[in-house]
Full PDB file with SEQRES, HELIX, SHEET, SSBOND, CRYST1, ORIGX, SCALE, CONECT and MASTER records, all heavy atoms in Angstrom:
SEQRES   1 A   40  GLN GLU ALA GLU ARG ALA LYS PHE ILE VAL GLU LYS ALA          
SEQRES   2 A   40  GLN GLN ASP LYS ARG SER ILE ILE ILE LYS ALA GLU GLY          
SEQRES   3 A   40  ASP ALA GLN SER ALA LYS LEU ILE SER ASP ALA ILE LYS          
SEQRES   4 A   40  SER                                                          
HELIX    1 AA1 GLU A    2  LYS A   39  1                                  38    
CRYST1    1.000    1.000    1.000  90.00  90.00  90.00 P 1           1          
ORIGX1      1.000000  0.000000  0.000000        0.00000                         
ORIGX2      0.000000  1.000000  0.000000        0.00000                         
ORIGX3      0.000000  0.000000  1.000000        0.00000                         
SCALE1      1.000000  0.000000  0.000000        0.00000                         
SCALE2      0.000000  1.000000  0.000000        0.00000                         
SCALE3      0.000000  0.000000  1.000000        0.00000                         
ATOM      1  N   GLN A   1     -10.845   7.621 -20.025  1.00  0.00           N  
ATOM      2  CA  GLN A   1     -10.278   6.284 -19.945  1.00  0.00           C  
ATOM      3  C   GLN A   1      -9.039   6.263 -19.061  1.00  0.00           C  
ATOM      4  O   GLN A   1      -8.846   5.353 -18.252  1.00  0.00           O  
ATOM      5  CB  GLN A   1      -9.971   5.748 -21.349  1.00  0.00           C  
ATOM      6  CG  GLN A   1     -11.204   5.433 -22.167  1.00  0.00           C  
ATOM      7  CD  GLN A   1     -10.879   5.088 -23.596  1.00  0.00           C  
ATOM      8  OE1 GLN A   1      -9.718   5.213 -24.040  1.00  0.00           O  
ATOM      9  NE2 GLN A   1     -11.860   4.685 -24.350  1.00  0.00           N  
ATOM     10  N   GLU A   2      -8.220   7.269 -19.189  1.00  0.00           N  
ATOM     11  CA  GLU A   2      -7.011   7.365 -18.346  1.00  0.00           C  
ATOM     12  C   GLU A   2      -7.386   7.530 -16.859  1.00  0.00           C  
ATOM     13  O   GLU A   2      -6.783   6.943 -15.988  1.00  0.00           O  
ATOM     14  CB  GLU A   2      -6.120   8.550 -18.796  1.00  0.00           C  
ATOM     15  CG  GLU A   2      -5.444   8.336 -20.111  1.00  0.00           C  
ATOM     16  CD  GLU A   2      -4.424   7.209 -20.086  1.00  0.00           C  
ATOM     17  OE1 GLU A   2      -3.779   7.018 -19.039  1.00  0.00           O  
ATOM     18  OE2 GLU A   2      -4.323   6.480 -21.096  1.00  0.00           O  
ATOM     19  N   ALA A   3      -8.434   8.317 -16.622  1.00  0.00           N  
ATOM     20  CA  ALA A   3      -8.901   8.492 -15.257  1.00  0.00           C  
ATOM     21  C   ALA A   3      -9.434   7.219 -14.679  1.00  0.00           C  
ATOM     22  O   ALA A   3      -9.169   6.871 -13.512  1.00  0.00           O  
ATOM     23  CB  ALA A   3      -9.973   9.593 -15.190  1.00  0.00           C  
ATOM     24  N   GLU A   4     -10.170   6.450 -15.478  1.00  0.00           N  
ATOM     25  CA  GLU A   4     -10.683   5.164 -15.045  1.00  0.00           C  
ATOM     26  C   GLU A   4      -9.533   4.192 -14.773  1.00  0.00           C  
ATOM     27  O   GLU A   4      -9.574   3.448 -13.797  1.00  0.00           O  
ATOM     28  CB  GLU A   4     -11.628   4.551 -16.111  1.00  0.00           C  
ATOM     29  CG  GLU A   4     -12.970   5.231 -16.198  1.00  0.00           C  
ATOM     30  CD  GLU A   4     -13.803   5.092 -14.937  1.00  0.00           C  
ATOM     31  OE1 GLU A   4     -13.807   4.016 -14.320  1.00  0.00           O  
ATOM     32  OE2 GLU A   4     -14.421   6.096 -14.538  1.00  0.00           O  
ATOM     33  N   ARG A   5      -8.531   4.196 -15.650  1.00  0.00           N  
ATOM     34  CA  ARG A   5      -7.383   3.323 -15.443  1.00  0.00           C  
ATOM     35  C   ARG A   5      -6.617   3.694 -14.128  1.00  0.00           C  
ATOM     36  O   ARG A   5      -6.252   2.817 -13.362  1.00  0.00           O  
ATOM     37  CB  ARG A   5      -6.411   3.434 -16.612  1.00  0.00           C  
ATOM     38  CG  ARG A   5      -5.233   2.439 -16.497  1.00  0.00           C  
ATOM     39  CD  ARG A   5      -4.232   2.561 -17.618  1.00  0.00           C  
ATOM     40  NE  ARG A   5      -4.866   2.381 -18.903  1.00  0.00           N  
ATOM     41  CZ  ARG A   5      -4.459   2.962 -20.011  1.00  0.00           C  
ATOM     42  NH1 ARG A   5      -3.424   3.734 -20.004  1.00  0.00           N  
ATOM     43  NH2 ARG A   5      -5.093   2.753 -21.159  1.00  0.00           N  
ATOM     44  N   ALA A   6      -6.452   4.993 -13.896  1.00  0.00           N  
ATOM     45  CA  ALA A   6      -5.773   5.447 -12.668  1.00  0.00           C  
ATOM     46  C   ALA A   6      -6.607   5.034 -11.465  1.00  0.00           C  
ATOM     47  O   ALA A   6      -6.042   4.594 -10.446  1.00  0.00           O  
ATOM     48  CB  ALA A   6      -5.569   6.940 -12.722  1.00  0.00           C  
ATOM     49  N   LYS A   7      -7.918   5.168 -11.554  1.00  0.00           N  
ATOM     50  CA  LYS A   7      -8.789   4.772 -10.445  1.00  0.00           C  
ATOM     51  C   LYS A   7      -8.663   3.279 -10.153  1.00  0.00           C  
ATOM     52  O   LYS A   7      -8.588   2.843  -9.014  1.00  0.00           O  
ATOM     53  CB  LYS A   7     -10.248   5.142 -10.799  1.00  0.00           C  
ATOM     54  CG  LYS A   7     -11.246   4.836  -9.743  1.00  0.00           C  
ATOM     55  CD  LYS A   7     -12.623   5.278 -10.196  1.00  0.00           C  
ATOM     56  CE  LYS A   7     -13.677   4.844  -9.231  1.00  0.00           C  
ATOM     57  NZ  LYS A   7     -15.017   5.179  -9.695  1.00  0.00           N  
ATOM     58  N   PHE A   8      -8.630   2.484 -11.262  1.00  0.00           N  
ATOM     59  CA  PHE A   8      -8.464   1.052 -11.101  1.00  0.00           C  
ATOM     60  C   PHE A   8      -7.127   0.696 -10.444  1.00  0.00           C  
ATOM     61  O   PHE A   8      -7.060  -0.163  -9.543  1.00  0.00           O  
ATOM     62  CB  PHE A   8      -8.561   0.355 -12.477  1.00  0.00           C  
ATOM     63  CG  PHE A   8      -8.248  -1.100 -12.454  1.00  0.00           C  
ATOM     64  CD1 PHE A   8      -9.147  -2.019 -11.977  1.00  0.00           C  
ATOM     65  CD2 PHE A   8      -7.003  -1.561 -12.921  1.00  0.00           C  
ATOM     66  CE1 PHE A   8      -8.838  -3.369 -11.933  1.00  0.00           C  
ATOM     67  CE2 PHE A   8      -6.676  -2.913 -12.885  1.00  0.00           C  
ATOM     68  CZ  PHE A   8      -7.622  -3.810 -12.407  1.00  0.00           C  
ATOM     69  N   ILE A   9      -6.056   1.371 -10.857  1.00  0.00           N  
ATOM     70  CA  ILE A   9      -4.724   1.107 -10.282  1.00  0.00           C  
ATOM     71  C   ILE A   9      -4.725   1.435  -8.798  1.00  0.00           C  
ATOM     72  O   ILE A   9      -4.159   0.716  -7.980  1.00  0.00           O  
ATOM     73  CB  ILE A   9      -3.648   1.904 -11.060  1.00  0.00           C  
ATOM     74  CG1 ILE A   9      -3.454   1.305 -12.473  1.00  0.00           C  
ATOM     75  CG2 ILE A   9      -2.311   1.904 -10.301  1.00  0.00           C  
ATOM     76  CD1 ILE A   9      -2.599   2.124 -13.397  1.00  0.00           C  
ATOM     77  N   VAL A  10      -5.351   2.556  -8.415  1.00  0.00           N  
ATOM     78  CA  VAL A  10      -5.423   2.946  -7.008  1.00  0.00           C  
ATOM     79  C   VAL A  10      -6.192   1.908  -6.197  1.00  0.00           C  
ATOM     80  O   VAL A  10      -5.766   1.488  -5.131  1.00  0.00           O  
ATOM     81  CB  VAL A  10      -6.038   4.359  -6.854  1.00  0.00           C  
ATOM     82  CG1 VAL A  10      -6.375   4.655  -5.415  1.00  0.00           C  
ATOM     83  CG2 VAL A  10      -5.089   5.411  -7.394  1.00  0.00           C  
ATOM     84  N   GLU A  11      -7.351   1.484  -6.767  1.00  0.00           N  
ATOM     85  CA  GLU A  11      -8.164   0.477  -6.063  1.00  0.00           C  
ATOM     86  C   GLU A  11      -7.389  -0.837  -5.929  1.00  0.00           C  
ATOM     87  O   GLU A  11      -7.441  -1.479  -4.865  1.00  0.00           O  
ATOM     88  CB  GLU A  11      -9.466   0.256  -6.809  1.00  0.00           C  
ATOM     89  CG  GLU A  11     -10.450   1.395  -6.672  1.00  0.00           C  
ATOM     90  CD  GLU A  11     -11.701   1.164  -7.469  1.00  0.00           C  
ATOM     91  OE1 GLU A  11     -11.882   0.088  -8.067  1.00  0.00           O  
ATOM     92  OE2 GLU A  11     -12.519   2.104  -7.543  1.00  0.00           O  
ATOM     93  N   LYS A  12      -6.656  -1.222  -6.975  1.00  0.00           N  
ATOM     94  CA  LYS A  12      -5.889  -2.458  -6.924  1.00  0.00           C  
ATOM     95  C   LYS A  12      -4.774  -2.338  -5.852  1.00  0.00           C  
ATOM     96  O   LYS A  12      -4.534  -3.283  -5.102  1.00  0.00           O  
ATOM     97  CB  LYS A  12      -5.280  -2.750  -8.291  1.00  0.00           C  
ATOM     98  CG  LYS A  12      -4.541  -4.092  -8.339  1.00  0.00           C  
ATOM     99  CD  LYS A  12      -3.993  -4.336  -9.746  1.00  0.00           C  
ATOM    100  CE  LYS A  12      -3.305  -5.650  -9.875  1.00  0.00           C  
ATOM    101  NZ  LYS A  12      -2.199  -5.870  -8.976  1.00  0.00           N  
ATOM    102  N   ALA A  13      -4.129  -1.204  -5.822  1.00  0.00           N  
ATOM    103  CA  ALA A  13      -3.056  -1.001  -4.829  1.00  0.00           C  
ATOM    104  C   ALA A  13      -3.640  -1.052  -3.409  1.00  0.00           C  
ATOM    105  O   ALA A  13      -3.027  -1.655  -2.506  1.00  0.00           O  
ATOM    106  CB  ALA A  13      -2.380   0.357  -5.053  1.00  0.00           C  
ATOM    107  N   GLN A  14      -4.818  -0.485  -3.224  1.00  0.00           N  
ATOM    108  CA  GLN A  14      -5.461  -0.540  -1.897  1.00  0.00           C  
ATOM    109  C   GLN A  14      -5.821  -1.973  -1.537  1.00  0.00           C  
ATOM    110  O   GLN A  14      -5.643  -2.391  -0.386  1.00  0.00           O  
ATOM    111  CB  GLN A  14      -6.684   0.356  -1.854  1.00  0.00           C  
ATOM    112  CG  GLN A  14      -6.364   1.829  -1.871  1.00  0.00           C  
ATOM    113  CD  GLN A  14      -7.599   2.706  -2.010  1.00  0.00           C  
ATOM    114  OE1 GLN A  14      -8.662   2.259  -2.387  1.00  0.00           O  
ATOM    115  NE2 GLN A  14      -7.457   3.966  -1.697  1.00  0.00           N  
ATOM    116  N   GLN A  15      -6.334  -2.722  -2.500  1.00  0.00           N  
ATOM    117  CA  GLN A  15      -6.676  -4.134  -2.225  1.00  0.00           C  
ATOM    118  C   GLN A  15      -5.423  -4.948  -1.924  1.00  0.00           C  
ATOM    119  O   GLN A  15      -5.437  -5.812  -1.061  1.00  0.00           O  
ATOM    120  CB  GLN A  15      -7.459  -4.707  -3.388  1.00  0.00           C  
ATOM    121  CG  GLN A  15      -8.847  -4.167  -3.520  1.00  0.00           C  
ATOM    122  CD  GLN A  15      -9.558  -4.676  -4.762  1.00  0.00           C  
ATOM    123  OE1 GLN A  15      -8.993  -5.393  -5.592  1.00  0.00           O  
ATOM    124  NE2 GLN A  15     -10.798  -4.300  -4.900  1.00  0.00           N  
ATOM    125  N   ASP A  16      -4.358  -4.694  -2.695  1.00  0.00           N  
ATOM    126  CA  ASP A  16      -3.077  -5.395  -2.425  1.00  0.00           C  
ATOM    127  C   ASP A  16      -2.575  -5.064  -1.018  1.00  0.00           C  
ATOM    128  O   ASP A  16      -2.092  -5.967  -0.309  1.00  0.00           O  
ATOM    129  CB  ASP A  16      -2.039  -4.984  -3.461  1.00  0.00           C  
ATOM    130  CG  ASP A  16      -2.320  -5.585  -4.825  1.00  0.00           C  
ATOM    131  OD1 ASP A  16      -3.198  -6.469  -4.944  1.00  0.00           O  
ATOM    132  OD2 ASP A  16      -1.689  -5.117  -5.808  1.00  0.00           O  
ATOM    133  N   LYS A  17      -2.704  -3.802  -0.643  1.00  0.00           N  
ATOM    134  CA  LYS A  17      -2.245  -3.398   0.697  1.00  0.00           C  
ATOM    135  C   LYS A  17      -3.073  -4.115   1.770  1.00  0.00           C  
ATOM    136  O   LYS A  17      -2.494  -4.646   2.724  1.00  0.00           O  
ATOM    137  CB  LYS A  17      -2.441  -1.860   0.813  1.00  0.00           C  
ATOM    138  CG  LYS A  17      -2.102  -1.318   2.181  1.00  0.00           C  
ATOM    139  CD  LYS A  17      -2.389   0.177   2.227  1.00  0.00           C  
ATOM    140  CE  LYS A  17      -2.270   0.706   3.649  1.00  0.00           C  
ATOM    141  NZ  LYS A  17      -2.629   2.122   3.739  1.00  0.00           N  
ATOM    142  N   ARG A  18      -4.399  -4.143   1.585  1.00  0.00           N  
ATOM    143  CA  ARG A  18      -5.270  -4.849   2.535  1.00  0.00           C  
ATOM    144  C   ARG A  18      -4.906  -6.334   2.594  1.00  0.00           C  
ATOM    145  O   ARG A  18      -4.868  -6.932   3.667  1.00  0.00           O  
ATOM    146  CB  ARG A  18      -6.738  -4.698   2.166  1.00  0.00           C  
ATOM    147  CG  ARG A  18      -7.290  -3.369   2.682  1.00  0.00           C  
ATOM    148  CD  ARG A  18      -8.765  -3.283   2.400  1.00  0.00           C  
ATOM    149  NE  ARG A  18      -8.860  -2.198   1.421  1.00  0.00           N  
ATOM    150  CZ  ARG A  18      -9.691  -2.166   0.393  1.00  0.00           C  
ATOM    151  NH1 ARG A  18     -10.515  -3.154   0.208  1.00  0.00           N  
ATOM    152  NH2 ARG A  18      -9.683  -1.163  -0.451  1.00  0.00           N  
ATOM    153  N   SER A  19      -4.635  -6.915   1.433  1.00  0.00           N  
ATOM    154  CA  SER A  19      -4.258  -8.334   1.372  1.00  0.00           C  
ATOM    155  C   SER A  19      -2.969  -8.591   2.137  1.00  0.00           C  
ATOM    156  O   SER A  19      -2.882  -9.583   2.891  1.00  0.00           O  
ATOM    157  CB  SER A  19      -4.131  -8.751  -0.098  1.00  0.00           C  
ATOM    158  OG  SER A  19      -3.600 -10.053  -0.183  1.00  0.00           O  
ATOM    159  N   ILE A  20      -1.981  -7.761   1.957  1.00  0.00           N  
ATOM    160  CA  ILE A  20      -0.690  -7.911   2.640  1.00  0.00           C  
ATOM    161  C   ILE A  20      -0.892  -7.777   4.155  1.00  0.00           C  
ATOM    162  O   ILE A  20      -0.336  -8.547   4.939  1.00  0.00           O  
ATOM    163  CB  ILE A  20       0.324  -6.875   2.116  1.00  0.00           C  
ATOM    164  CG1 ILE A  20       0.728  -7.231   0.682  1.00  0.00           C  
ATOM    165  CG2 ILE A  20       1.542  -6.811   3.017  1.00  0.00           C  
ATOM    166  CD1 ILE A  20       1.519  -6.165  -0.037  1.00  0.00           C  
ATOM    167  N   ILE A  21      -1.716  -6.816   4.555  1.00  0.00           N  
ATOM    168  CA  ILE A  21      -1.960  -6.586   5.986  1.00  0.00           C  
ATOM    169  C   ILE A  21      -2.677  -7.799   6.589  1.00  0.00           C  
ATOM    170  O   ILE A  21      -2.283  -8.300   7.663  1.00  0.00           O  
ATOM    171  CB  ILE A  21      -2.786  -5.301   6.216  1.00  0.00           C  
ATOM    172  CG1 ILE A  21      -1.926  -4.060   5.878  1.00  0.00           C  
ATOM    173  CG2 ILE A  21      -3.311  -5.240   7.655  1.00  0.00           C  
ATOM    174  CD1 ILE A  21      -2.701  -2.739   5.899  1.00  0.00           C  
ATOM    175  N   ILE A  22      -3.684  -8.309   5.889  1.00  0.00           N  
ATOM    176  CA  ILE A  22      -4.422  -9.483   6.392  1.00  0.00           C  
ATOM    177  C   ILE A  22      -3.512 -10.698   6.460  1.00  0.00           C  
ATOM    178  O   ILE A  22      -3.537 -11.459   7.438  1.00  0.00           O  
ATOM    179  CB  ILE A  22      -5.653  -9.753   5.494  1.00  0.00           C  
ATOM    180  CG1 ILE A  22      -6.682  -8.645   5.709  1.00  0.00           C  
ATOM    181  CG2 ILE A  22      -6.249 -11.103   5.800  1.00  0.00           C  
ATOM    182  CD1 ILE A  22      -7.801  -8.650   4.708  1.00  0.00           C  
ATOM    183  N   LYS A  23      -2.669 -10.902   5.450  1.00  0.00           N  
ATOM    184  CA  LYS A  23      -1.745 -12.014   5.459  1.00  0.00           C  
ATOM    185  C   LYS A  23      -0.754 -11.901   6.611  1.00  0.00           C  
ATOM    186  O   LYS A  23      -0.460 -12.877   7.300  1.00  0.00           O  
ATOM    187  CB  LYS A  23      -0.989 -12.112   4.132  1.00  0.00           C  
ATOM    188  CG  LYS A  23      -0.086 -13.331   4.018  1.00  0.00           C  
ATOM    189  CD  LYS A  23       0.624 -13.350   2.700  1.00  0.00           C  
ATOM    190  CE  LYS A  23       1.493 -14.574   2.505  1.00  0.00           C  
ATOM    191  NZ  LYS A  23       2.454 -14.833   3.552  1.00  0.00           N  
ATOM    192  N   ALA A  24      -0.222 -10.670   6.822  1.00  0.00           N  
ATOM    193  CA  ALA A  24       0.742 -10.469   7.922  1.00  0.00           C  
ATOM    194  C   ALA A  24       0.055 -10.731   9.268  1.00  0.00           C  
ATOM    195  O   ALA A  24       0.665 -11.341  10.168  1.00  0.00           O  
ATOM    196  CB  ALA A  24       1.291  -9.041   7.861  1.00  0.00           C  
ATOM    197  N   GLU A  25      -1.175 -10.269   9.393  1.00  0.00           N  
ATOM    198  CA  GLU A  25      -1.909 -10.518  10.653  1.00  0.00           C  
ATOM    199  C   GLU A  25      -2.121 -12.011  10.858  1.00  0.00           C  
ATOM    200  O   GLU A  25      -2.020 -12.535  11.961  1.00  0.00           O  
ATOM    201  CB  GLU A  25      -3.235  -9.778  10.665  1.00  0.00           C  
ATOM    202  CG  GLU A  25      -3.096  -8.269  10.806  1.00  0.00           C  
ATOM    203  CD  GLU A  25      -4.399  -7.520  10.600  1.00  0.00           C  
ATOM    204  OE1 GLU A  25      -5.420  -8.160  10.193  1.00  0.00           O  
ATOM    205  OE2 GLU A  25      -4.446  -6.326  10.865  1.00  0.00           O  
ATOM    206  N   GLY A  26      -2.463 -12.696   9.755  1.00  0.00           N  
ATOM    207  CA  GLY A  26      -2.635 -14.168   9.839  1.00  0.00           C  
ATOM    208  C   GLY A  26      -1.376 -14.874  10.205  1.00  0.00           C  
ATOM    209  O   GLY A  26      -1.390 -15.805  11.027  1.00  0.00           O  
ATOM    210  N   ASP A  27      -0.258 -14.467   9.591  1.00  0.00           N  
ATOM    211  CA  ASP A  27       1.045 -15.061   9.910  1.00  0.00           C  
ATOM    212  C   ASP A  27       1.415 -14.817  11.372  1.00  0.00           C  
ATOM    213  O   ASP A  27       1.918 -15.718  12.069  1.00  0.00           O  
ATOM    214  CB  ASP A  27       2.135 -14.531   8.991  1.00  0.00           C  
ATOM    215  CG  ASP A  27       1.996 -15.016   7.563  1.00  0.00           C  
ATOM    216  OD1 ASP A  27       1.232 -15.960   7.335  1.00  0.00           O  
ATOM    217  OD2 ASP A  27       2.661 -14.427   6.682  1.00  0.00           O  
ATOM    218  N   ALA A  28       1.151 -13.595  11.850  1.00  0.00           N  
ATOM    219  CA  ALA A  28       1.455 -13.268  13.255  1.00  0.00           C  
ATOM    220  C   ALA A  28       0.595 -14.110  14.183  1.00  0.00           C  
ATOM    221  O   ALA A  28       1.102 -14.627  15.208  1.00  0.00           O  
ATOM    222  CB  ALA A  28       1.236 -11.771  13.516  1.00  0.00           C  
ATOM    223  N   GLN A  29      -0.686 -14.235  13.847  1.00  0.00           N  
ATOM    224  CA  GLN A  29      -1.600 -15.041  14.674  1.00  0.00           C  
ATOM    225  C   GLN A  29      -1.145 -16.511  14.655  1.00  0.00           C  
ATOM    226  O   GLN A  29      -1.150 -17.169  15.707  1.00  0.00           O  
ATOM    227  CB  GLN A  29      -3.037 -14.918  14.150  1.00  0.00           C  
ATOM    228  CG  GLN A  29      -4.062 -15.624  14.985  1.00  0.00           C  
ATOM    229  CD  GLN A  29      -4.242 -14.957  16.346  1.00  0.00           C  
ATOM    230  OE1 GLN A  29      -3.907 -13.800  16.551  1.00  0.00           O  
ATOM    231  NE2 GLN A  29      -4.750 -15.726  17.302  1.00  0.00           N  
ATOM    232  N   SER A  30      -0.748 -16.996  13.470  1.00  0.00           N  
ATOM    233  CA  SER A  30      -0.289 -18.399  13.380  1.00  0.00           C  
ATOM    234  C   SER A  30       0.974 -18.589  14.202  1.00  0.00           C  
ATOM    235  O   SER A  30       1.098 -19.587  14.921  1.00  0.00           O  
ATOM    236  CB  SER A  30      -0.001 -18.714  11.894  1.00  0.00           C  
ATOM    237  OG  SER A  30       0.577 -19.979  11.780  1.00  0.00           O  
ATOM    238  N   ALA A  31       1.907 -17.671  14.127  1.00  0.00           N  
ATOM    239  CA  ALA A  31       3.145 -17.760  14.892  1.00  0.00           C  
ATOM    240  C   ALA A  31       2.838 -17.741  16.403  1.00  0.00           C  
ATOM    241  O   ALA A  31       3.441 -18.484  17.179  1.00  0.00           O  
ATOM    242  CB  ALA A  31       4.095 -16.633  14.544  1.00  0.00           C  
ATOM    243  N   LYS A  32       1.899 -16.894  16.795  1.00  0.00           N  
ATOM    244  CA  LYS A  32       1.529 -16.831  18.230  1.00  0.00           C  
ATOM    245  C   LYS A  32       0.894 -18.131  18.667  1.00  0.00           C  
ATOM    246  O   LYS A  32       1.205 -18.650  19.747  1.00  0.00           O  
ATOM    247  CB  LYS A  32       0.560 -15.669  18.444  1.00  0.00           C  
ATOM    248  CG  LYS A  32       0.187 -15.467  19.911  1.00  0.00           C  
ATOM    249  CD  LYS A  32      -0.724 -14.262  20.069  1.00  0.00           C  
ATOM    250  CE  LYS A  32      -1.076 -14.022  21.493  1.00  0.00           C  
ATOM    251  NZ  LYS A  32      -1.450 -15.129  22.313  1.00  0.00           N  
ATOM    252  N   LEU A  33       0.020 -18.703  17.856  1.00  0.00           N  
ATOM    253  CA  LEU A  33      -0.610 -19.967  18.202  1.00  0.00           C  
ATOM    254  C   LEU A  33       0.408 -21.094  18.296  1.00  0.00           C  
ATOM    255  O   LEU A  33       0.341 -21.919  19.204  1.00  0.00           O  
ATOM    256  CB  LEU A  33      -1.716 -20.321  17.170  1.00  0.00           C  
ATOM    257  CG  LEU A  33      -2.955 -19.434  17.192  1.00  0.00           C  
ATOM    258  CD1 LEU A  33      -3.885 -19.808  16.040  1.00  0.00           C  
ATOM    259  CD2 LEU A  33      -3.694 -19.560  18.534  1.00  0.00           C  
ATOM    260  N   ILE A  34       1.340 -21.130  17.362  1.00  0.00           N  
ATOM    261  CA  ILE A  34       2.399 -22.162  17.410  1.00  0.00           C  
ATOM    262  C   ILE A  34       3.255 -21.978  18.641  1.00  0.00           C  
ATOM    263  O   ILE A  34       3.572 -22.933  19.369  1.00  0.00           O  
ATOM    264  CB  ILE A  34       3.235 -22.144  16.129  1.00  0.00           C  
ATOM    265  CG1 ILE A  34       2.399 -22.619  14.937  1.00  0.00           C  
ATOM    266  CG2 ILE A  34       4.490 -22.965  16.273  1.00  0.00           C  
ATOM    267  CD1 ILE A  34       3.063 -22.426  13.599  1.00  0.00           C  
ATOM    268  N   SER A  35       3.593 -20.728  18.953  1.00  0.00           N  
ATOM    269  CA  SER A  35       4.418 -20.433  20.133  1.00  0.00           C  
ATOM    270  C   SER A  35       3.667 -20.861  21.425  1.00  0.00           C  
ATOM    271  O   SER A  35       4.264 -21.475  22.311  1.00  0.00           O  
ATOM    272  CB  SER A  35       4.722 -18.952  20.194  1.00  0.00           C  
ATOM    273  OG  SER A  35       5.367 -18.620  21.375  1.00  0.00           O  
ATOM    274  N   ASP A  36       2.374 -20.542  21.485  1.00  0.00           N  
ATOM    275  CA  ASP A  36       1.599 -20.919  22.635  1.00  0.00           C  
ATOM    276  C   ASP A  36       1.484 -22.459  22.758  1.00  0.00           C  
ATOM    277  O   ASP A  36       1.551 -23.004  23.848  1.00  0.00           O  
ATOM    278  CB  ASP A  36       0.176 -20.307  22.568  1.00  0.00           C  
ATOM    279  CG  ASP A  36       0.189 -18.805  22.753  1.00  0.00           C  
ATOM    280  OD1 ASP A  36       1.215 -18.254  23.177  1.00  0.00           O  
ATOM    281  OD2 ASP A  36      -0.849 -18.172  22.425  1.00  0.00           O  
ATOM    282  N   ALA A  37       1.334 -23.097  21.587  1.00  0.00           N  
ATOM    283  CA  ALA A  37       1.228 -24.562  21.598  1.00  0.00           C  
ATOM    284  C   ALA A  37       2.516 -25.190  22.050  1.00  0.00           C  
ATOM    285  O   ALA A  37       2.505 -26.192  22.815  1.00  0.00           O  
ATOM    286  CB  ALA A  37       0.843 -25.088  20.217  1.00  0.00           C  
ATOM    287  N   ILE A  38       3.644 -24.652  21.641  1.00  0.00           N  
ATOM    288  CA  ILE A  38       4.948 -25.192  22.047  1.00  0.00           C  
ATOM    289  C   ILE A  38       5.157 -24.972  23.570  1.00  0.00           C  
ATOM    290  O   ILE A  38       5.625 -25.859  24.273  1.00  0.00           O  
ATOM    291  CB  ILE A  38       6.098 -24.540  21.260  1.00  0.00           C  
ATOM    292  CG1 ILE A  38       6.024 -25.028  19.789  1.00  0.00           C  
ATOM    293  CG2 ILE A  38       7.472 -24.887  21.860  1.00  0.00           C  
ATOM    294  CD1 ILE A  38       6.988 -24.302  18.867  1.00  0.00           C  
ATOM    295  N   LYS A  39       4.756 -23.783  24.062  1.00  0.00           N  
ATOM    296  CA  LYS A  39       4.920 -23.525  25.500  1.00  0.00           C  
ATOM    297  C   LYS A  39       4.023 -24.412  26.345  1.00  0.00           C  
ATOM    298  O   LYS A  39       4.459 -24.912  27.378  1.00  0.00           O  
ATOM    299  CB  LYS A  39       4.552 -22.058  25.790  1.00  0.00           C  
ATOM    300  CG  LYS A  39       5.619 -21.058  25.330  1.00  0.00           C  
ATOM    301  CD  LYS A  39       5.146 -19.653  25.643  1.00  0.00           C  
ATOM    302  CE  LYS A  39       6.100 -18.638  25.039  1.00  0.00           C  
ATOM    303  NZ  LYS A  39       5.618 -17.261  25.182  1.00  0.00           N  
ATOM    304  N   SER A  40       2.788 -24.606  25.877  1.00  0.00           N  
ATOM    305  CA  SER A  40       1.870 -25.380  26.702  1.00  0.00           C  
ATOM    306  C   SER A  40       2.025 -26.899  26.525  1.00  0.00           C  
ATOM    307  O   SER A  40       1.718 -27.663  27.428  1.00  0.00           O  
ATOM    308  CB  SER A  40       0.424 -24.995  26.373  1.00  0.00           C  
ATOM    309  OG  SER A  40       0.123 -25.363  25.032  1.00  0.00           O  
TER     310      SER A  40                                                      
MASTER        0    0    0    1    0    0    0    6  309    1    0    4          
END                                                                             
């Protein structure tokens, strides 16, 4: 049970990490699009 819990925590941390990366990429893309829109 402890091993399963540790496995779950690791998987959750990996999913959180992926979520943060995707959000940061989305924010960067959004900022780039806004910047391009302001320039053009």
